[in-house]
C-alpha atoms as a PDB file:
ATOM      1  CA  MET A   1     114.093  66.832 107.247  1.00  0.00           C
ATOM      2  CA  LEU A   2     115.902  67.422 103.977  1.00  0.00           C
ATOM      3  CA  VAL A   3     113.780  64.780 102.237  1.00  0.00           C
ATOM      4  CA  CYS A   4     110.589  66.418 103.544  1.00  0.00           C
ATOM      5  CA  ALA A   5     111.722  69.850 102.336  1.00  0.00           C
ATOM      6  CA  ALA A   6     112.634  68.464  98.905  1.00  0.00           C
ATOM      7  CA  ALA A   7     109.266  66.711  98.600  1.00  0.00           C
ATOM      8  CA  LEU A   8     107.356  69.883  99.501  1.00  0.00           C
ATOM      9  CA  CYS A   9     109.405  71.990  97.062  1.00  0.00           C
ATOM     10  CA  THR A  10     108.719  69.470  94.293  1.00  0.00           C
ATOM     11  CA  LEU A  11     105.010  69.594  95.075  1.00  0.00           C
ATOM     12  CA  GLY A  12     105.224  73.384  94.953  1.00  0.00           C
ATOM     13  CA  LEU A  13     106.793  73.385  91.490  1.00  0.00           C
ATOM     14  CA  ILE A  14     104.117  71.029  90.179  1.00  0.00           C
ATOM     15  CA  ALA A  15     101.244  72.933  91.782  1.00  0.00           C
ATOM     16  CA  VAL A  16     102.481  76.375  90.679  1.00  0.00           C
ATOM     17  CA  PHE A  17     102.953  75.166  87.104  1.00  0.00           C
ATOM     18  CA  SER A  18      99.488  73.632  87.050  1.00  0.00           C
ATOM     19  CA  ALA A  19      97.857  76.675  88.677  1.00  0.00           C
ATOM     20  CA  THR A  20      99.408  79.218  86.306  1.00  0.00           C
ATOM     21  CA  ALA A  21      99.964  77.382  83.019  1.00  0.00           C
ATOM     22  CA  TYR A  22      96.729  78.786  81.565  1.00  0.00           C
ATOM     23  CA  LYS A  23      98.040  82.347  82.081  1.00  0.00           C
ATOM     24  CA  SER A  24     101.784  82.299  81.543  1.00  0.00           C
ATOM     25  CA  SER A  25     104.849  80.161  82.174  1.00  0.00           C
ATOM     26  CA  GLY A  26     106.486  83.164  83.873  1.00  0.00           C
ATOM     27  CA  PHE A  27     105.220  82.203  87.326  1.00  0.00           C
ATOM     28  CA  PHE A  28     106.714  78.735  87.006  1.00  0.00           C
ATOM     29  CA  TRP A  29     110.129  80.015  85.944  1.00  0.00           C
ATOM     30  CA  LYS A  30     110.114  82.544  88.779  1.00  0.00           C
ATOM     31  CA  GLN A  31     109.433  79.627  91.107  1.00  0.00           C
ATOM     32  CA  VAL A  32     112.375  77.745  89.602  1.00  0.00           C
ATOM     33  CA  LEU A  33     114.563  80.834  90.091  1.00  0.00           C
ATOM     34  CA  GLY A  34     113.324  81.190  93.673  1.00  0.00           C
ATOM     35  CA  LEU A  35     114.099  77.542  94.337  1.00  0.00           C
ATOM     36  CA  GLY A  36     117.584  78.047  92.910  1.00  0.00           C
ATOM     37  CA  LEU A  37     118.145  81.057  95.169  1.00  0.00           C
ATOM     38  CA  GLY A  38     116.815  79.037  98.101  1.00  0.00           C
ATOM     39  CA  VAL A  39     119.281  76.230  97.388  1.00  0.00           C
ATOM     40  CA  CYS A  40     122.116  78.782  97.202  1.00  0.00           C
ATOM     41  CA  ALA A  41     120.989  80.260 100.528  1.00  0.00           C
ATOM     42  CA  ALA A  42     120.856  76.789 102.102  1.00  0.00           C
ATOM     43  CA  TRP A  43     124.329  75.934 100.759  1.00  0.00           C
ATOM     44  CA  THR A  44     125.768  79.181 102.138  1.00  0.00           C
ATOM     45  CA  ILE A  45     124.151  78.955 105.586  1.00  0.00           C
ATOM     46  CA  ALA A  46     125.094  75.279 105.903  1.00  0.00           C
ATOM     47  CA  ARG A  47     128.779  76.265 105.741  1.00  0.00           C
ATOM     48  CA  LEU A  48     128.749  79.208 108.136  1.00  0.00           C
ATOM     49  CA  ASP A  49     130.257  79.148 111.604  1.00  0.00           C
ATOM     50  CA  LEU A  50     127.147  80.043 113.593  1.00  0.00           C
ATOM     51  CA  GLU A  51     129.122  80.992 116.686  1.00  0.00           C
ATOM     52  CA  LEU A  52     131.285  83.335 114.602  1.00  0.00           C
ATOM     53  CA  CYS A  53     128.127  84.946 113.198  1.00  0.00           C
ATOM     54  CA  ARG A  54     127.185  86.017 116.718  1.00  0.00           C
ATOM     55  CA  ARG A  55     129.870  88.711 116.534  1.00  0.00           C
ATOM     56  CA  TYR A  56     127.812  90.465 113.877  1.00  0.00           C
ATOM     57  CA  ILE A  57     124.358  89.819 115.319  1.00  0.00           C
ATOM     58  CA  TRP A  58     123.545  93.440 116.129  1.00  0.00           C
ATOM     59  CA  LEU A  59     124.704  94.485 112.672  1.00  0.00           C
ATOM     60  CA  ILE A  60     122.204  91.954 111.312  1.00  0.00           C
ATOM     61  CA  ALA A  61     119.494  93.451 113.537  1.00  0.00           C
ATOM     62  CA  VAL A  62     120.213  97.005 112.367  1.00  0.00           C
ATOM     63  CA  GLY A  63     120.273  95.812 108.752  1.00  0.00           C
ATOM     64  CA  VAL A  64     116.898  94.083 109.040  1.00  0.00           C
ATOM     65  CA  VAL A  65     115.232  97.080 110.707  1.00  0.00           C
ATOM     66  CA  GLY A  66     116.852  99.410 108.170  1.00  0.00           C
ATOM     67  CA  LEU A  67     115.458  97.407 105.252  1.00  0.00           C
ATOM     68  CA  LEU A  68     112.010  97.340 106.863  1.00  0.00           C
ATOM     69  CA  LEU A  69     112.076 101.128 107.229  1.00  0.00           C
ATOM     70  CA  LEU A  70     113.390 101.486 103.673  1.00  0.00           C
ATOM     71  CA  VAL A  71     110.287  99.701 102.419  1.00  0.00           C
ATOM     72  CA  ALA A  72     108.134 102.482 103.922  1.00  0.00           C
ATOM     73  CA  ILE A  73     109.791 105.177 101.788  1.00  0.00           C
ATOM     74  CA  PRO A  74     107.682 106.122  98.718  1.00  0.00           C
ATOM     75  CA  HIS A  75     109.260 105.313  95.341  1.00  0.00           C
ATOM     76  CA  ILE A  76     111.608 102.833  97.045  1.00  0.00           C
ATOM     77  CA  GLY A  77     109.230 100.379  98.669  1.00  0.00           C
ATOM     78  CA  ILE A  78     106.916  98.669  96.177  1.00  0.00           C
ATOM     79  CA  SER A  79     103.204  98.802  96.994  1.00  0.00           C
ATOM     80  CA  VAL A  80     100.834  96.005  95.954  1.00  0.00           C
ATOM     81  CA  ASN A  81      97.117  95.961  96.855  1.00  0.00           C
ATOM     82  CA  GLY A  82      97.562  98.825  99.304  1.00  0.00           C
ATOM     83  CA  SER A  83     100.463  97.282 101.226  1.00  0.00           C
ATOM     84  CA  ARG A  84     104.063  98.445 100.836  1.00  0.00           C
ATOM     85  CA  ARG A  85     106.077  95.297 101.546  1.00  0.00           C
ATOM     86  CA  TRP A  86     108.600  94.786  98.753  1.00  0.00           C
ATOM     87  CA  LEU A  87     111.949  96.079  97.578  1.00  0.00           C
ATOM     88  CA  GLY A  88     112.850  95.761  93.927  1.00  0.00           C
ATOM     89  CA  PHE A  89     116.198  94.725  92.456  1.00  0.00           C
ATOM     90  CA  GLY A  90     115.699  94.934  88.721  1.00  0.00           C
ATOM     91  CA  PRO A  91     113.082  92.338  87.747  1.00  0.00           C
ATOM     92  CA  ILE A  92     113.322  90.675  91.171  1.00  0.00           C
ATOM     93  CA  ARG A  93     111.138  91.717  94.106  1.00  0.00           C
ATOM     94  CA  PHE A  94     111.893  90.673  97.656  1.00  0.00           C
ATOM     95  CA  GLN A  95     109.539  90.807 100.646  1.00  0.00           C
ATOM     96  CA  VAL A  96     111.724  92.122 103.455  1.00  0.00           C
ATOM     97  CA  SER A  97     109.443  90.844 106.217  1.00  0.00           C
ATOM     98  CA  GLU A  98     110.438  87.294 105.212  1.00  0.00           C
ATOM     99  CA  LEU A  99     114.023  88.159 106.104  1.00  0.00           C
ATOM    100  CA  ALA A 100     112.789  89.727 109.350  1.00  0.00           C
ATOM    101  CA  LYS A 101     111.270  86.399 110.437  1.00  0.00           C
ATOM    102  CA  ILE A 102     114.633  84.677 110.616  1.00  0.00           C
ATOM    103  CA  GLY A 103     116.368  87.894 111.681  1.00  0.00           C
ATOM    104  CA  ILE A 104     114.402  88.126 114.915  1.00  0.00           C
ATOM    105  CA  VAL A 105     115.207  84.484 115.669  1.00  0.00           C
ATOM    106  CA  PHE A 106     118.963  85.126 115.304  1.00  0.00           C
ATOM    107  CA  VAL A 107     118.864  88.261 117.457  1.00  0.00           C
ATOM    108  CA  LEU A 108     116.672  86.831 120.213  1.00  0.00           C
ATOM    109  CA  ALA A 109     118.587  83.540 120.329  1.00  0.00           C
ATOM    110  CA  HIS A 110     121.826  85.482 120.829  1.00  0.00           C
ATOM    111  CA  TYR A 111     120.416  87.831 123.470  1.00  0.00           C
ATOM    112  CA  LEU A 112     118.581  85.140 125.434  1.00  0.00           C
ATOM    113  CA  ALA A 113     121.614  82.846 125.404  1.00  0.00           C
ATOM    114  CA  LEU A 114     123.827  85.652 126.743  1.00  0.00           C
ATOM    115  CA  ASN A 115     121.323  86.356 129.500  1.00  0.00           C
ATOM    116  CA  GLN A 116     120.159  82.836 130.291  1.00  0.00           C
ATOM    117  CA  SER A 117     121.098  83.240 133.961  1.00  0.00           C
ATOM    118  CA  MET A 118     118.993  86.436 134.130  1.00  0.00           C
ATOM    119  CA  MET A 119     115.753  85.146 132.614  1.00  0.00           C
ATOM    120  CA  GLU A 120     113.839  85.524 135.878  1.00  0.00           C
ATOM    121  CA  ASN A 121     114.792  89.202 136.029  1.00  0.00           C
ATOM    122  CA  LEU A 122     111.946  91.444 134.839  1.00  0.00           C
ATOM    123  CA  LYS A 123     114.127  93.923 132.948  1.00  0.00           C
ATOM    124  CA  ARG A 124     116.776  91.738 131.303  1.00  0.00           C
ATOM    125  CA  GLY A 125     114.702  88.582 131.083  1.00  0.00           C
ATOM    126  CA  PHE A 126     111.499  90.080 129.740  1.00  0.00           C
ATOM    127  CA  ILE A 127     111.254  93.838 129.088  1.00  0.00           C
ATOM    128  CA  LEU A 128     114.397  94.160 126.950  1.00  0.00           C
ATOM    129  CA  PRO A 129     113.510  91.104 124.814  1.00  0.00           C
ATOM    130  CA  LEU A 130     110.048  92.620 124.286  1.00  0.00           C
ATOM    131  CA  PHE A 131     111.714  95.778 122.976  1.00  0.00           C
ATOM    132  CA  ILE A 132     113.683  93.629 120.519  1.00  0.00           C
ATOM    133  CA  ILE A 133     110.475  91.956 119.343  1.00  0.00           C
ATOM    134  CA  GLY A 134     108.711  95.309 119.048  1.00  0.00           C
ATOM    135  CA  GLY A 135     111.645  96.849 117.196  1.00  0.00           C
ATOM    136  CA  ILE A 136     111.219  94.329 114.382  1.00  0.00           C
ATOM    137  CA  ALA A 137     107.464  93.715 114.561  1.00  0.00           C
ATOM    138  CA  GLY A 138     106.621  97.437 114.656  1.00  0.00           C
ATOM    139  CA  PRO A 139     107.924  98.351 111.177  1.00  0.00           C
ATOM    140  CA  ILE A 140     106.203  95.255 109.747  1.00  0.00           C
ATOM    141  CA  MET A 141     102.867  96.408 111.171  1.00  0.00           C
ATOM    142  CA  LEU A 142     103.302  99.786 109.461  1.00  0.00           C
ATOM    143  CA  GLN A 143     103.396  98.156 105.991  1.00  0.00           C
ATOM    144  CA  PRO A 144     100.675  97.000 107.015  1.00  0.00           C
ATOM    145  CA  ASP A 145     101.181  93.259 107.400  1.00  0.00           C
ATOM    146  CA  PHE A 146      99.276  92.087 110.459  1.00  0.00           C
ATOM    147  CA  GLY A 147      99.723  88.392 109.694  1.00  0.00           C
ATOM    148  CA  THR A 148     103.528  88.560 109.671  1.00  0.00           C
ATOM    149  CA  THR A 149     103.481  90.895 112.686  1.00  0.00           C
ATOM    150  CA  ALA A 150     101.502  88.297 114.637  1.00  0.00           C
ATOM    151  CA  LEU A 151     103.797  85.491 113.458  1.00  0.00           C
ATOM    152  CA  VAL A 152     106.993  87.336 114.403  1.00  0.00           C
ATOM    153  CA  SER A 153     105.541  88.268 117.796  1.00  0.00           C
ATOM    154  CA  ALA A 154     104.368  84.703 118.471  1.00  0.00           C
ATOM    155  CA  VAL A 155     107.780  83.248 117.607  1.00  0.00           C
ATOM    156  CA  GLY A 156     109.452  85.838 119.829  1.00  0.00           C
ATOM    157  CA  VAL A 157     107.225  85.093 122.823  1.00  0.00           C
ATOM    158  CA  ALA A 158     107.685  81.343 122.281  1.00  0.00           C
ATOM    159  CA  LEU A 159     111.467  81.794 122.398  1.00  0.00           C
ATOM    160  CA  LEU A 160     111.098  83.740 125.648  1.00  0.00           C
ATOM    161  CA  PHE A 161     109.170  80.798 127.085  1.00  0.00           C
ATOM    162  CA  LEU A 162     111.762  78.270 125.876  1.00  0.00           C
ATOM    163  CA  ALA A 163     114.559  80.408 127.326  1.00  0.00           C
ATOM    164  CA  GLY A 164     112.950  80.301 130.762  1.00  0.00           C
ATOM    165  CA  ALA A 165     111.197  83.662 131.152  1.00  0.00           C
ATOM    166  CA  ARG A 166     108.780  83.779 134.069  1.00  0.00           C
ATOM    167  CA  TRP A 167     105.316  82.472 133.281  1.00  0.00           C
ATOM    168  CA  ARG A 168     103.551  85.370 134.967  1.00  0.00           C
ATOM    169  CA  TYR A 169     105.346  87.916 132.780  1.00  0.00           C
ATOM    170  CA  ILE A 170     104.373  86.077 129.610  1.00  0.00           C
ATOM    171  CA  VAL A 171     100.769  85.399 130.626  1.00  0.00           C
ATOM    172  CA  THR A 172     100.240  88.989 131.774  1.00  0.00           C
ATOM    173  CA  SER A 173     101.628  90.520 128.591  1.00  0.00           C
ATOM    174  CA  VAL A 174      99.800  88.123 126.257  1.00  0.00           C
ATOM    175  CA  THR A 175      96.540  88.717 128.126  1.00  0.00           C
ATOM    176  CA  GLY A 176      97.023  92.471 127.829  1.00  0.00           C
ATOM    177  CA  ILE A 177      97.682  92.231 124.098  1.00  0.00           C
ATOM    178  CA  VAL A 178      94.611  90.038 123.568  1.00  0.00           C
ATOM    179  CA  VAL A 179      92.407  92.467 125.506  1.00  0.00           C
ATOM    180  CA  LEU A 180      93.703  95.489 123.562  1.00  0.00           C
ATOM    181  CA  PHE A 181      93.223  93.623 120.283  1.00  0.00           C
ATOM    182  CA  ALA A 182      89.680  92.619 121.236  1.00  0.00           C
ATOM    183  CA  VAL A 183      88.806  96.215 122.140  1.00  0.00           C
ATOM    184  CA  ALA A 184      90.284  97.533 118.879  1.00  0.00           C
ATOM    185  CA  VAL A 185      88.271  94.991 116.883  1.00  0.00           C
ATOM    186  CA  ALA A 186      85.056  95.622 118.807  1.00  0.00           C
ATOM    187  CA  LEU A 187      85.309  99.382 118.200  1.00  0.00           C
ATOM    188  CA  ASN A 188      85.598  98.884 114.445  1.00  0.00           C
ATOM    189  CA  PRO A 189      82.562  97.059 112.952  1.00  0.00           C
ATOM    190  CA  ASN A 190      84.260  96.536 109.574  1.00  0.00           C
ATOM    191  CA  ARG A 191      87.304  94.972 111.195  1.00  0.00           C
ATOM    192  CA  LEU A 192      85.071  92.760 113.334  1.00  0.00           C
ATOM    193  CA  THR A 193      83.165  91.619 110.244  1.00  0.00           C
ATOM    194  CA  ARG A 194      86.375  90.734 108.402  1.00  0.00           C
ATOM    195  CA  LEU A 195      87.759  88.889 111.391  1.00  0.00           C
ATOM    196  CA  THR A 196      84.636  86.796 112.000  1.00  0.00           C
ATOM    197  CA  ALA A 197      83.654  86.193 108.364  1.00  0.00           C
ATOM    198  CA  PHE A 198      85.287  82.741 108.377  1.00  0.00           C
ATOM    199  CA  LEU A 199      82.705  81.558 110.941  1.00  0.00           C
ATOM    200  CA  ASP A 200      80.111  81.571 108.138  1.00  0.00           C
ATOM    201  CA  VAL A 201      82.010  80.986 104.918  1.00  0.00           C
ATOM    202  CA  GLU A 202      78.975  80.403 102.712  1.00  0.00           C
ATOM    203  CA  GLY A 203      77.059  83.347 104.139  1.00  0.00           C
ATOM    204  CA  ASN A 204      79.991  85.701 103.488  1.00  0.00           C
ATOM    205  CA  LYS A 205      81.110  84.226 100.175  1.00  0.00           C
ATOM    206  CA  GLN A 206      80.425  87.446  98.275  1.00  0.00           C
ATOM    207  CA  ALA A 207      82.610  89.436 100.660  1.00  0.00           C
ATOM    208  CA  GLY A 208      85.411  88.394 102.983  1.00  0.00           C
ATOM    209  CA  THR A 209      85.409  84.629 102.365  1.00  0.00           C
ATOM    210  CA  TYR A 210      85.094  84.420  98.586  1.00  0.00           C
ATOM    211  CA  GLN A 211      88.479  82.710  98.178  1.00  0.00           C
ATOM    212  CA  VAL A 212      87.828  80.321 101.062  1.00  0.00           C
ATOM    213  CA  TYR A 213      84.453  79.343  99.594  1.00  0.00           C
ATOM    214  CA  GLN A 214      86.056  78.680  96.215  1.00  0.00           C
ATOM    215  CA  SER A 215      88.730  76.572  97.877  1.00  0.00           C
ATOM    216  CA  PHE A 216      85.947  74.500  99.495  1.00  0.00           C
ATOM    217  CA  LEU A 217      84.497  73.858  96.039  1.00  0.00           C
ATOM    218  CA  GLY A 218      87.940  72.860  94.814  1.00  0.00           C
ATOM    219  CA  PHE A 219      88.418  70.327  97.606  1.00  0.00           C
ATOM    220  CA  ALA A 220      84.946  68.914  96.932  1.00  0.00           C
ATOM    221  CA  ALA A 221      85.646  68.593  93.205  1.00  0.00           C
ATOM    222  CA  GLY A 222      88.971  66.878  93.864  1.00  0.00           C
ATOM    223  CA  GLY A 223      87.527  64.112  95.988  1.00  0.00           C
ATOM    224  CA  LEU A 224      89.822  61.288  97.005  1.00  0.00           C
ATOM    225  CA  THR A 225      92.228  61.149  94.064  1.00  0.00           C
ATOM    226  CA  GLY A 226      91.792  64.540  92.387  1.00  0.00           C
ATOM    227  CA  ALA A 227      90.689  65.775  88.987  1.00  0.00           C
ATOM    228  CA  GLY A 228      94.197  65.396  87.569  1.00  0.00           C
ATOM    229  CA  LEU A 229      97.058  67.812  86.975  1.00  0.00           C
ATOM    230  CA  GLY A 230      95.989  70.760  84.867  1.00  0.00           C
ATOM    231  CA  GLN A 231      92.334  69.762  85.123  1.00  0.00           C
ATOM    232  CA  GLY A 232      91.348  72.047  87.990  1.00  0.00           C
ATOM    233  CA  ARG A 233      88.707  74.686  87.264  1.00  0.00           C
ATOM    234  CA  GLN A 234      88.844  76.861  90.361  1.00  0.00           C
ATOM    235  CA  GLN A 235      92.187  78.545  89.675  1.00  0.00           C
ATOM    236  CA  VAL A 236      91.195  79.191  86.059  1.00  0.00           C
ATOM    237  CA  TYR A 237      87.769  80.728  86.593  1.00  0.00           C
ATOM    238  CA  PHE A 238      87.076  81.417  90.250  1.00  0.00           C
ATOM    239  CA  LEU A 239      90.029  81.411  92.673  1.00  0.00           C
ATOM    240  CA  PRO A 240      92.232  84.553  92.487  1.00  0.00           C
ATOM    241  CA  GLU A 241      95.939  84.226  93.330  1.00  0.00           C
ATOM    242  CA  ALA A 242      95.574  80.470  93.627  1.00  0.00           C
ATOM    243  CA  HIS A 243      99.312  79.963  93.144  1.00  0.00           C
ATOM    244  CA  THR A 244     100.215  81.879  96.326  1.00  0.00           C
ATOM    245  CA  ASP A 245      98.172  81.783  99.537  1.00  0.00           C
ATOM    246  CA  PHE A 246      95.627  79.229  98.264  1.00  0.00           C
ATOM    247  CA  ILE A 247      97.988  76.794  96.559  1.00  0.00           C
ATOM    248  CA  PHE A 248      96.783  74.046  98.923  1.00  0.00           C
ATOM    249  CA  ALA A 249      93.320  74.311  97.351  1.00  0.00           C
ATOM    250  CA  VAL A 250      94.894  73.639  93.942  1.00  0.00           C
ATOM    251  CA  VAL A 251      96.599  70.551  95.381  1.00  0.00           C
ATOM    252  CA  GLY A 252      93.277  69.391  96.830  1.00  0.00           C
ATOM    253  CA  GLU A 253      91.341  69.818  93.602  1.00  0.00           C
ATOM    254  CA  GLU A 254      93.893  68.346  91.208  1.00  0.00           C
ATOM    255  CA  LEU A 255      95.587  65.696  93.368  1.00  0.00           C
ATOM    256  CA  GLY A 256      92.848  64.883  95.868  1.00  0.00           C
ATOM    257  CA  LEU A 257      92.520  64.069  99.541  1.00  0.00           C
ATOM    258  CA  VAL A 258      95.319  61.495  99.477  1.00  0.00           C
ATOM    259  CA  VAL A 259      97.973  64.035  98.469  1.00  0.00           C
ATOM    260  CA  THR A 260      96.618  66.775 100.746  1.00  0.00           C
ATOM    261  CA  LEU A 261      96.846  64.443 103.740  1.00  0.00           C
ATOM    262  CA  ALA A 262     100.325  63.373 102.629  1.00  0.00           C
ATOM    263  CA  THR A 263     101.301  67.061 102.485  1.00  0.00           C
ATOM    264  CA  VAL A 264     100.095  67.676 106.034  1.00  0.00           C
ATOM    265  CA  LEU A 265     101.919  64.564 107.246  1.00  0.00           C
ATOM    266  CA  THR A 266     105.107  65.739 105.510  1.00  0.00           C
ATOM    267  CA  PHE A 267     104.962  69.039 107.393  1.00  0.00           C
ATOM    268  CA  LEU A 268     104.332  67.131 110.622  1.00  0.00           C
ATOM    269  CA  LEU A 269     107.271  64.797 109.953  1.00  0.00           C
ATOM    270  CA  PHE A 270     109.517  67.786 109.187  1.00  0.00           C
ATOM    271  CA  PHE A 271     108.625  69.369 112.525  1.00  0.00           C
ATOM    272  CA  VAL A 272     108.927  66.141 114.545  1.00  0.00           C
ATOM    273  CA  CYS A 273     112.361  65.413 113.053  1.00  0.00           C
ATOM    274  CA  GLY A 274     113.375  68.975 113.889  1.00  0.00           C
ATOM    275  CA  VAL A 275     112.245  68.614 117.505  1.00  0.00           C
ATOM    276  CA  LEU A 276     114.168  65.344 117.836  1.00  0.00           C
ATOM    277  CA  HIS A 277     117.182  67.091 116.331  1.00  0.00           C
ATOM    278  CA  LEU A 278     116.950  69.768 119.053  1.00  0.00           C
ATOM    279  CA  ARG A 279     117.837  67.176 121.688  1.00  0.00           C
ATOM    280  CA  ARG A 280     121.464  67.313 120.490  1.00  0.00           C
ATOM    281  CA  ALA A 281     121.817  71.096 120.718  1.00  0.00           C
ATOM    282  CA  PRO A 282     125.240  71.904 122.249  1.00  0.00           C
ATOM    283  CA  ASN A 283     124.267  75.276 123.731  1.00  0.00           C
ATOM    284  CA  GLN A 284     121.361  77.626 124.385  1.00  0.00           C
ATOM    285  CA  PHE A 285     122.039  79.847 121.370  1.00  0.00           C
ATOM    286  CA  GLN A 286     121.876  77.061 118.815  1.00  0.00           C
ATOM    287  CA  PHE A 287     118.929  75.429 120.582  1.00  0.00           C
ATOM    288  CA  LEU A 288     116.880  78.637 120.376  1.00  0.00           C
ATOM    289  CA  LEU A 289     118.059  79.324 116.833  1.00  0.00           C
ATOM    290  CA  VAL A 290     116.817  75.985 115.513  1.00  0.00           C
ATOM    291  CA  ALA A 291     113.668  76.071 117.672  1.00  0.00           C
ATOM    292  CA  GLY A 292     112.771  79.494 116.262  1.00  0.00           C
ATOM    293  CA  ALA A 293     113.365  78.334 112.695  1.00  0.00           C
ATOM    294  CA  LEU A 294     111.094  75.324 113.236  1.00  0.00           C
ATOM    295  CA  LEU A 295     108.414  77.545 114.777  1.00  0.00           C
ATOM    296  CA  ILE A 296     108.417  79.784 111.694  1.00  0.00           C
ATOM    297  CA  VAL A 297     107.707  76.813 109.422  1.00  0.00           C
ATOM    298  CA  ALA A 298     105.163  75.238 111.781  1.00  0.00           C
ATOM    299  CA  LEU A 299     103.151  78.379 112.557  1.00  0.00           C
ATOM    300  CA  GLN A 300     103.172  79.569 108.962  1.00  0.00           C
ATOM    301  CA  ALA A 301     101.949  76.176 107.739  1.00  0.00           C
ATOM    302  CA  ILE A 302      99.242  76.022 110.424  1.00  0.00           C
ATOM    303  CA  VAL A 303      97.959  79.510 109.566  1.00  0.00           C
ATOM    304  CA  ASN A 304      97.951  78.901 105.812  1.00  0.00           C
ATOM    305  CA  LEU A 305      96.239  75.517 106.047  1.00  0.00           C
ATOM    306  CA  GLY A 306      93.810  76.847 108.654  1.00  0.00           C
ATOM    307  CA  VAL A 307      92.774  79.703 106.360  1.00  0.00           C
ATOM    308  CA  VAL A 308      92.359  77.514 103.279  1.00  0.00           C
ATOM    309  CA  VAL A 309      90.112  75.030 105.095  1.00  0.00           C
ATOM    310  CA  GLY A 310      88.102  77.823 106.735  1.00  0.00           C
ATOM    311  CA  ARG A 311      89.253  77.427 110.313  1.00  0.00           C
ATOM    312  CA  LEU A 312      91.098  80.748 110.650  1.00  0.00           C
ATOM    313  CA  PRO A 313      90.470  84.324 109.452  1.00  0.00           C
ATOM    314  CA  THR A 314      91.842  85.051 106.000  1.00  0.00           C
ATOM    315  CA  LYS A 315      95.427  86.292 106.142  1.00  0.00           C
ATOM    316  CA  GLY A 316      97.980  86.554 103.384  1.00  0.00           C
ATOM    317  CA  MET A 317     100.470  83.943 104.511  1.00  0.00           C
ATOM    318  CA  SER A 318     102.244  81.596 102.125  1.00  0.00           C
ATOM    319  CA  LEU A 319     102.536  77.836 102.564  1.00  0.00           C
ATOM    320  CA  PRO A 320     106.203  77.058 103.349  1.00  0.00           C
ATOM    321  CA  PHE A 321     108.157  75.446 100.489  1.00  0.00           C
ATOM    322  CA  VAL A 322     105.006  75.191  98.330  1.00  0.00           C
ATOM    323  CA  SER A 323     103.478  78.618  97.596  1.00  0.00           C
ATOM    324  CA  ALA A 324     104.774  80.705  94.714  1.00  0.00           C
ATOM    325  CA  GLY A 325     107.158  83.449  95.773  1.00  0.00           C
ATOM    326  CA  MET A 326     110.918  83.841  95.728  1.00  0.00           C
ATOM    327  CA  SER A 327     111.004  85.451  99.181  1.00  0.00           C
ATOM    328  CA  ASN A 328     109.257  82.423 100.690  1.00  0.00           C
ATOM    329  CA  LEU A 329     111.694  80.000  99.068  1.00  0.00           C
ATOM    330  CA  VAL A 330     114.777  81.985 100.089  1.00  0.00           C
ATOM    331  CA  LEU A 331     113.556  82.028 103.709  1.00  0.00           C
ATOM    332  CA  MET A 332     112.935  78.279 103.591  1.00  0.00           C
ATOM    333  CA  GLY A 333     116.405  77.818 102.091  1.00  0.00           C
ATOM    334  CA  ILE A 334     117.944  79.704 105.019  1.00  0.00           C
ATOM    335  CA  ILE A 335     116.023  77.524 107.478  1.00  0.00           C
ATOM    336  CA  VAL A 336     117.043  74.293 105.747  1.00  0.00           C
ATOM    337  CA  GLY A 337     120.638  75.550 105.684  1.00  0.00           C
ATOM    338  CA  LEU A 338     120.480  76.079 109.456  1.00  0.00           C
ATOM    339  CA  LEU A 339     119.201  72.548 109.955  1.00  0.00           C
ATOM    340  CA  ILE A 340     121.937  71.083 107.741  1.00  0.00           C
ATOM    341  CA  ASN A 341     124.584  73.187 109.474  1.00  0.00           C
ATOM    342  CA  THR A 342     123.551  72.113 112.956  1.00  0.00           C
ATOM    343  CA  SER A 343     122.955  68.493 111.941  1.00  0.00           C
ATOM    344  CA  ARG A 344     126.583  68.182 110.897  1.00  0.00           C
ATOM    345  CA  ALA A 345     128.035  70.246 113.744  1.00  0.00           C
ATOM    346  CA  TRP A 346     126.065  68.560 116.520  1.00  0.00           C
ATOM    347  CA  LEU A 347     127.099  65.073 115.404  1.00  0.00           C
ATOM    348  CA  ARG A 348     130.817  65.778 115.683  1.00  0.00           C
ATOM    349  CA  ASP A 349     132.717  63.641 118.166  1.00  0.00           C
ATOM    350  CA  ASP A 350     133.889  66.723 120.083  1.00  0.00           C
ATOM    351  CA  VAL A 351     130.308  67.742 120.885  1.00  0.00           C
ATOM    352  CA  LEU A 352     129.566  65.604 123.922  1.00  0.00           C
ATOM    353  CA  PRO A 353     126.457  65.687 126.116  1.00  0.00           C
ATOM    354  CA  GLY A 354     128.567  66.865 129.048  1.00  0.00           C
ATOM    355  CA  SER A 355     129.754  69.917 127.114  1.00  0.00           C
ATOM    356  CA  ARG A 356     126.320  71.345 126.592  1.00  0.00           C
ATOM    357  CA  ASP A 357     126.031  74.622 128.451  1.00  0.00           C
ATOM    358  CA  PHE A 358     122.302  74.770 129.237  1.00  0.00           C
ATOM    359  CA  SER A 359     121.509  76.083 132.673  1.00  0.00           C
END
């Protein structure tokens, strides 16, 4: 897993440098700084006593929600393109919703582990966890950031399923949410147009799918082996913000199909290794904690890649480890730190299969 993460981070540095060199070297050095902060985060998390951290879990929850609400305050939260999602610390900006992704995993893993014998109970096994999910997802939606809201909610519901919540509760609630979402979209023609634009990328290339169409042209120009580093044209002339959400298109144009497939396989290998690692989890809390962290990486990668290749509606979601952005790299550092922490702890001689407290 560590090798996969290092390979993806290296690819990210190369791609960000190539995508932004024509404008300024500032983006590259910010990426280097973000990677450094991510390594520091990984080093710190790898040395924590995760069970000891559970004593402060509700303090973490209050802190995350407090920061999310702080973002909504004018002159404190930083607004970009109509969305107020960032807090500023001098020259550094941090997207608080990135912290919320791992925050909800910590909180839910703790709660569900404490109540693992009550998961078939409607109130304690389903309604209260939904309030926890809503308490973190709600402030994110107000930013507005519908992509992260959906991701956080999906991870939360997946953890409920893994913890043993009743199927009928999950299916009923998900069905209700889908129906309400469909009605809301159907009642707003503009929203419906934006949501379905990806179904006809070329026909909507002057509106909602301009970036996706340009990414298609980049992939086509790259062919099998790519145009070469620094030789891509899309990010220079046609593809806005190529170094963030559409960094995969830069990889496709400059490094070709071979490297794009290798990138997808690296993500797949990272996830498979993580799932195999889960088999050694000593208790429900740590199992859910690592499972949630893996789901963040997997779902975020699927959404980003799906958008870039025109299979999902356009949403601003970064590619884990690769896209430019310090917040993204710090989150990935925390996740890698968790995996390192548990890899060492779960291999100790005193952690025996018989001691695992799953029910």
